[in-house]
Every structure is written in C-alpha cells, then in structure tokens.
Protein backbone atom coordinates (compact mmCIF):
# COMPACT_ATOMS: atom_id res chain seq x y z
CA MET A 1 62.57 104.68 5.37
CA PRO A 2 59.33 104.06 7.36
CA ASP A 3 56.97 101.47 5.92
CA ALA A 4 54.00 103.30 4.36
CA ASN A 5 51.82 100.36 5.38
CA LYS A 6 52.55 101.01 9.05
CA PRO A 7 51.93 104.70 9.79
CA ILE A 8 53.40 105.86 13.07
CA ASN A 9 50.66 108.40 13.74
CA ASP A 10 48.13 106.89 16.16
CA ASN A 11 45.42 109.07 14.63
CA PHE A 12 45.58 107.03 11.42
CA PRO A 13 43.23 104.02 11.10
CA VAL A 14 45.97 101.45 10.47
CA ASP A 15 43.93 98.62 8.97
CA ILE A 16 42.28 100.89 6.40
CA VAL A 17 45.60 102.50 5.50
CA HIS A 18 47.17 99.08 5.05
CA VAL A 19 44.50 98.04 2.52
CA LEU A 20 44.63 101.32 0.64
CA SER A 21 48.43 101.19 0.43
CA SER A 22 48.08 98.57 -2.29
CA GLU A 23 46.65 101.39 -4.43
CA ARG A 24 49.61 103.71 -3.86
CA THR A 25 50.23 106.19 -6.67
CA THR A 26 52.58 109.10 -7.29
CA VAL A 27 51.74 112.79 -7.03
CA PRO A 28 50.21 113.90 -10.37
CA ASP A 29 52.51 116.03 -12.53
CA TRP A 30 50.15 119.02 -12.48
CA LEU A 31 50.20 119.01 -8.68
CA ALA A 32 53.95 118.40 -8.35
CA THR A 33 54.71 121.37 -10.62
CA TYR A 34 52.10 123.76 -9.17
CA LYS A 35 53.35 127.26 -8.33
CA PRO A 36 51.47 129.80 -6.16
CA GLY A 37 49.33 131.93 -8.44
CA ASP A 38 48.67 129.19 -10.99
CA PRO A 39 44.99 128.86 -12.01
CA PHE A 40 42.89 125.96 -10.84
CA PRO A 41 43.51 123.03 -13.23
CA ARG A 42 39.93 121.83 -13.30
CA GLU A 43 40.27 119.12 -15.95
CA GLU A 44 43.44 117.67 -14.42
CA PHE A 45 41.98 117.74 -10.91
CA PHE A 46 38.83 115.85 -11.83
CA ASN A 47 40.72 113.36 -13.98
CA SER A 48 42.78 112.47 -10.92
CA ARG A 49 41.65 110.23 -8.08
CA THR A 50 39.24 112.37 -6.07
CA ILE A 51 37.66 111.72 -2.67
CA TYR A 52 34.22 113.26 -2.20
CA TYR A 53 33.05 113.97 1.36
CA PRO A 54 29.50 115.36 1.51
CA GLY A 55 28.46 117.01 4.77
CA SER A 56 32.11 117.05 5.77
CA GLU A 57 32.22 120.10 8.02
CA MET A 58 36.03 120.03 8.42
CA ASP A 59 36.49 116.40 9.39
CA GLY A 60 39.82 114.95 8.34
CA HIS A 61 39.08 111.23 8.50
CA ALA A 62 39.23 110.80 4.72
CA MET A 63 42.66 112.40 4.62
CA SER A 64 43.87 110.26 7.50
CA CYS A 65 43.08 107.20 5.35
CA PHE A 66 44.07 108.23 1.83
CA CYS A 67 47.11 110.42 2.61
CA PRO A 68 49.35 107.97 4.53
CA SER A 69 48.44 105.26 2.02
CA HIS A 70 49.27 107.60 -0.91
CA ALA A 71 46.16 106.24 -2.64
CA ALA A 72 44.79 109.67 -3.61
CA HIS A 73 45.86 113.31 -3.65
CA CYS A 74 42.66 115.25 -4.39
CA PHE A 75 39.86 115.87 -1.90
CA VAL A 76 36.47 117.50 -2.40
CA PHE A 77 34.82 118.61 0.82
CA CYS A 78 31.27 119.90 0.69
CA ASP A 79 29.42 121.48 3.58
CA ASN A 80 26.91 124.29 3.80
CA GLN A 81 27.43 125.16 7.46
CA LYS A 82 30.96 126.58 7.34
CA THR A 83 32.05 129.93 5.95
CA LYS A 84 34.97 130.43 3.60
CA GLU A 85 36.82 132.25 6.37
CA GLU A 86 36.41 129.28 8.72
CA VAL A 87 37.77 126.91 6.08
CA LEU A 88 40.79 129.10 5.38
CA GLN A 89 41.47 129.39 9.10
CA GLU A 90 41.44 125.60 9.42
CA LEU A 91 43.79 125.19 6.45
CA GLN A 92 46.28 127.63 7.94
CA PHE A 93 45.92 126.64 11.58
CA PRO A 94 44.43 123.12 11.67
CA LYS A 95 42.52 122.05 14.76
CA GLN A 96 40.90 118.96 13.28
CA ILE A 97 43.33 116.03 13.41
CA GLY A 98 43.86 114.82 9.85
CA TYR A 99 42.15 117.66 7.97
CA SER A 100 45.30 119.51 7.05
CA ASN A 101 47.40 118.43 10.00
CA GLY A 102 51.02 118.03 8.99
CA TYR A 103 50.58 120.21 5.89
CA GLN A 104 51.09 123.88 5.21
CA LEU A 105 49.19 126.06 2.78
CA LEU A 106 51.15 126.59 -0.44
CA GLY A 107 48.49 128.44 -2.39
CA SER A 108 44.73 128.95 -2.60
CA GLY A 109 42.11 130.71 -4.67
CA ASP A 110 38.41 131.44 -5.05
CA LEU A 111 36.23 130.06 -7.80
CA GLU A 112 32.74 130.88 -8.97
CA VAL A 113 30.12 128.16 -8.67
CA SER A 114 29.68 128.43 -12.46
CA ASP A 115 33.37 127.55 -12.91
CA MET A 116 32.51 124.01 -11.84
CA THR A 117 30.30 123.44 -14.88
CA PRO A 118 31.98 125.20 -17.83
CA ASP A 119 30.08 123.04 -20.32
CA GLY A 120 26.68 123.77 -18.78
CA PHE A 121 24.67 122.04 -16.10
CA GLU A 122 22.12 119.25 -16.61
CA GLU A 123 20.19 118.55 -13.44
CA HIS A 124 19.99 114.92 -12.31
CA CYS A 125 18.81 115.61 -8.77
CA GLU A 126 15.92 117.95 -8.11
CA ILE A 127 16.38 119.88 -4.88
CA PRO A 128 13.01 120.41 -3.19
CA TRP A 129 11.96 124.03 -3.08
CA PHE A 130 11.13 125.51 0.27
CA ASP A 131 7.55 125.90 1.45
CA PRO A 132 6.52 129.50 0.57
CA HIS A 133 4.28 129.57 3.64
CA LEU A 134 7.41 129.66 5.81
CA GLU A 135 8.45 133.04 4.38
CA PRO A 136 5.42 134.35 2.47
CA SER A 137 6.99 137.76 1.82
CA LYS A 138 9.92 136.29 -0.11
CA PRO A 139 9.94 134.68 -3.57
CA PRO A 140 10.62 130.92 -3.70
CA ARG A 141 14.27 129.96 -3.35
CA PRO A 142 15.98 126.63 -2.63
CA TRP A 143 17.07 127.33 0.96
CA VAL A 144 15.23 127.40 4.25
CA ASP A 145 16.61 129.61 7.02
CA VAL A 146 15.83 127.17 9.79
CA TYR A 147 19.33 127.68 11.17
CA ASP A 148 18.51 131.29 11.94
CA ALA A 149 15.46 130.19 13.89
CA ILE A 150 17.38 127.54 15.81
CA GLU A 151 20.15 129.95 16.78
CA HIS A 152 17.67 132.61 17.80
CA MET A 153 15.54 130.31 19.90
CA GLY A 154 18.45 128.29 21.28
CA ASP A 155 16.14 125.33 21.54
CA GLN A 156 16.03 122.07 19.60
CA THR A 157 12.23 122.20 19.78
CA GLU A 158 12.30 124.98 17.19
CA TRP A 159 13.66 122.51 14.64
CA ASP A 160 10.85 120.09 15.53
CA ARG A 161 8.26 122.85 15.30
CA LEU A 162 9.38 123.95 11.85
CA HIS A 163 9.33 120.44 10.47
CA ALA A 164 5.97 119.71 12.04
CA LEU A 165 4.49 122.79 10.39
CA HIS A 166 6.18 122.12 7.06
CA PRO A 167 6.81 118.38 6.66
CA GLY A 168 9.08 117.14 3.93
CA PRO A 169 12.70 117.74 2.99
CA HIS A 170 14.09 121.24 3.43
CA PRO A 171 17.66 122.00 2.33
CA ILE A 172 19.55 124.29 4.66
CA ARG A 173 20.99 127.49 3.24
CA PRO A 174 24.78 127.89 3.11
CA ALA A 175 26.20 129.70 6.13
CA ALA A 176 27.44 132.63 4.06
CA GLY A 177 26.19 131.99 0.56
CA PRO A 178 27.62 129.40 -1.87
CA PHE A 179 31.39 129.53 -2.31
CA VAL A 180 34.14 127.43 -3.87
CA LEU A 181 37.65 127.49 -2.44
CA TRP A 182 40.61 125.47 -3.66
CA ALA A 183 44.00 125.04 -2.06
CA VAL A 184 47.28 123.22 -2.55
CA LEU A 185 48.94 121.95 0.63
CA GLU A 186 52.55 120.88 1.02
CA ARG A 187 53.75 118.41 3.63
CA LYS A 188 55.80 119.99 6.42
CA ILE A 189 59.45 119.00 6.41
CA ILE A 190 59.23 117.52 9.91
CA TYR A 191 56.97 114.75 8.56
CA GLY A 192 58.02 111.82 6.42
CA ASP A 193 56.57 109.74 3.63
CA ASP A 194 54.50 107.73 6.10
CA HIS A 195 52.46 110.84 6.90
CA GLY A 196 51.34 111.38 3.33
CA PRO A 197 52.38 112.59 -0.12
CA ASP A 198 54.47 115.71 -0.68
CA ARG A 199 51.43 117.61 -1.90
CA ILE A 200 47.66 117.34 -1.87
CA CYS A 201 44.91 119.47 -3.36
CA ILE A 202 41.64 120.38 -1.67
CA LEU A 203 38.44 121.75 -3.16
CA HIS A 204 35.95 122.97 -0.54
CA VAL A 205 32.45 123.80 -1.72
CA GLY A 206 30.04 125.65 0.53
CA ASP A 207 26.78 124.53 -1.02
CA ASP A 208 24.22 121.71 -1.11
CA ALA A 209 26.08 118.38 -1.18
CA PHE A 210 23.67 116.68 -3.57
CA ARG A 211 23.62 119.49 -6.13
CA THR A 212 27.41 119.76 -5.85
CA PHE A 213 27.87 116.03 -6.52
CA ASP A 214 25.61 116.35 -9.56
CA ALA A 215 27.53 119.35 -10.92
CA LEU A 216 31.03 118.00 -10.34
CA PHE A 217 30.68 114.32 -11.14
CA CYS A 218 27.44 113.51 -12.96
CA GLN A 219 27.71 115.70 -16.03
CA GLN A 220 28.65 114.15 -19.37
CA SER A 221 32.40 114.70 -19.04
CA GLY A 222 34.65 113.69 -16.17
CA LEU A 223 34.95 110.77 -13.80
CA LEU A 224 33.04 109.76 -10.71
CA PRO A 225 35.01 110.05 -7.46
CA TYR A 226 37.58 107.41 -6.58
CA SER A 227 35.92 107.20 -3.17
CA VAL A 228 32.89 108.69 -1.42
CA VAL A 229 32.63 109.22 2.34
CA LEU A 230 29.20 108.34 3.73
CA VAL A 231 28.15 109.78 7.08
CA ASP A 232 24.45 110.33 7.72
CA HIS A 233 24.17 112.74 10.62
CA GLY A 234 20.49 112.37 11.40
CA ARG A 235 19.46 115.99 11.91
CA GLY A 236 22.65 117.34 10.43
CA GLY A 237 20.90 119.77 8.10
CA ASN A 238 20.71 117.43 5.09
CA TRP A 239 17.42 117.09 3.26
CA SER A 240 18.15 113.47 2.36
CA ILE A 241 20.59 110.65 3.14
CA PHE A 242 24.00 110.09 1.58
CA GLY A 243 24.12 106.32 2.02
CA SER A 244 21.75 103.52 0.96
CA GLU A 245 20.35 102.70 -2.45
CA GLU A 246 17.42 104.98 -1.60
CA GLY A 247 19.62 108.07 -1.33
CA PRO A 248 20.02 110.61 -4.17
CA LEU A 249 23.81 110.17 -4.34
CA TRP A 250 23.55 106.48 -5.23
CA GLN A 251 20.70 107.09 -7.64
CA MET A 252 22.65 109.77 -9.50
CA THR A 253 25.81 107.64 -9.48
CA HIS A 254 24.02 104.59 -10.83
CA GLN A 255 22.34 106.58 -13.60
CA THR A 256 25.54 108.06 -15.02
CA GLY A 257 26.71 104.85 -16.68
CA LYS A 258 30.27 105.67 -15.60
CA ASP A 259 32.63 103.43 -13.66
CA LEU A 260 31.47 103.49 -10.06
CA PRO A 261 33.65 104.73 -7.16
CA GLU A 262 36.17 102.08 -6.15
CA TRP A 263 35.80 102.70 -2.40
CA LEU A 264 33.30 103.84 0.18
CA LEU A 265 34.38 105.08 3.61
CA VAL A 266 31.34 104.56 5.82
CA THR A 267 30.74 105.52 9.43
CA ASP A 268 29.79 102.58 11.63
CA GLY A 269 26.58 102.65 13.60
CA GLY A 270 23.65 105.01 13.37
CA ASP A 271 21.64 105.26 10.19
CA THR A 272 24.44 105.18 7.61
CA LYS A 273 24.22 102.35 5.09
CA PRO A 274 26.66 101.55 2.25
CA TRP A 275 25.60 101.57 -1.36
CA PRO A 276 24.61 98.26 -2.98
CA GLY A 277 27.34 96.23 -4.67
CA TYR A 278 30.06 97.02 -2.14
CA GLY A 279 31.67 94.65 0.36
CA LYS A 280 33.47 95.53 3.60
CA VAL A 281 37.23 95.00 3.46
CA ALA A 282 38.60 96.83 6.52
CA GLU A 283 37.70 98.93 9.51
CA GLY A 284 39.56 101.47 11.57
CA GLU A 285 39.08 103.64 14.60
CA ARG A 286 39.97 107.29 14.83
CA ARG A 287 39.34 109.33 17.97
CA GLY A 288 36.75 106.86 19.17
CA GLN A 289 34.82 106.68 15.90
CA ILE A 290 34.72 103.55 13.77
CA ARG A 291 34.86 103.88 9.99
CA LEU A 292 34.38 100.95 7.61
CA LEU A 293 36.10 100.65 4.24
CA TYR A 294 34.04 99.10 1.46
CA ARG A 295 35.22 98.14 -2.03
CA ILE A 296 33.14 97.67 -5.12
CA GLU A 297 32.59 94.01 -5.84
CA GLN A 298 32.19 94.28 -9.59
CA ASN A 299 32.53 97.49 -11.61
CA ARG A 300 30.63 97.84 -14.81
C-alpha cells in the first residue's frame, strides 16, 4: 500500500501533507454511512474537523493538503463571486486541480441560509452598510453592485472611481444571491488511499465570508474550524482582510472563548499575515504558489 506520507500526485504539497499526516483520522460514521437523499447532518458536520476557506472561489489547495493526509474530511468554502450552477459544474466536472479532482459526486442538496443558524443568530461582526448615495433610489442594503459597474465599463479605473467617491469598506454582493450548497464526494476507484479518504463532504456558501464565519462558527454552540485558509487577494472584492490580528476573522475567533483552530494555511507573499500565536511548521508549492502551514503554539 502506498505511504500516505508520500503522495504520488505532484500537485500535492508534500511537506505540508507529511506534517498533517500525523493527524490522520478515519472517515466519520455519519459520512461513511451517508446515502443519496439523506438530509444534511448539520450537527455532525460541524462537530467534525472542518476546514474553512473564505474567499475560496473554487481553489482546491486546502483539499490537496488535508485529503492526502487524511487529517480532515469536511470543507467549508465561502465565496460571493460564484453562482450555485458554477459550483455544481465544478463538482461534477472539476477543472481546478485539487478541488474535487479524483472524486465523484455522490449526492448534493440545497440549504437555506437560515438553516445554518437554527438556534438564532447573534452578530459578532458588523458588516458595513453601503453608502446610500451610490444608489439613492434604493433602500439601504448590505451589498454594493460595484461588480456590475466594473463589468459594464470593462476598466479597472471604475473600481478606483467608485472607491474614491465612496471611501471605506464596501462588501460585494453575491453573484446570484446568497446560497448554500452541500455535497458528498466519493473517491474514484482508480485512485488509492494516498489520494485521500473514501469520502469527503463539502459545504459551499455563496455569501459574505465574514458573516458566514460568524454564523457557522461563532455562535454559542459548535466548534471553531480545525483549520482556516488565509489568502488576502488585495482587490478581491473583500471589504476587510482575512489574516492578521487586525482582521475581523481573528477578532471574532479570539472573542468566542472556544479552542482556537489548530492550523492555518497561509499564502506566502503579498499582504497575507498569519494570526498571532501561530508558528510556521511547513511550506509547500502547488502550481507555482507557495502556501505556509502554521500551527497554534498554545491553545487555551
């Protein structure tokens, strides 16, 4: 049997996988016994090891680290620039190496945003409301349609013009309205144990990444993610940063009083900074991009 610490796929960041392999765990019972048509097991999913990737688009780097190491089986992707149809297409016919590559769709379903907070929602992160002067004929709402303007003008200067006229953070609206999609994927028979576990579960949320983190992980019940992926894209449509102690994600995480995420997967270079209290333990390259693995130095 191939050594899980030495994945044969060159798209896997070997050093990171090697470190994470020490955390290998079995497929949870609820996932191993899932049958198409079963309802989403919310409590079981969020009591499992989850990986949260804000601003993910459909990047599979997190899966290329945590799948071959068998360190986690549940992934939460959050991005407001992809439609549900685009996500389903990628799950069925993957183009992004590592997103669902090597897996086939076993079952999927739609959820309401309210399904994510069955016990109610207490806000820990206030999303800035849009400037009513931008659209004076419409009532205030928490999304700015700057994407429409950019696409129409076809010019990056339109982004600069909007932000010069209306300085301050502006969250971007979801591409096709908020949505929640969940899916169970099964490893294709042509792949072995070194590729990843038999099954994984994905939750893809098309909404604001900060509000989603608050709703899913910062309410009274439930655990914080096992790992968080930090990639600050500059002008990627986010109204604040994901990394750094100054970012809303760290501030919400720190305020919960819960055990902090064990790992951070951080992009190297640019403006992305890890959260305080984490030390670098490995790095890996995938398709020319360096990612750094950080581990918490002392959990509370």
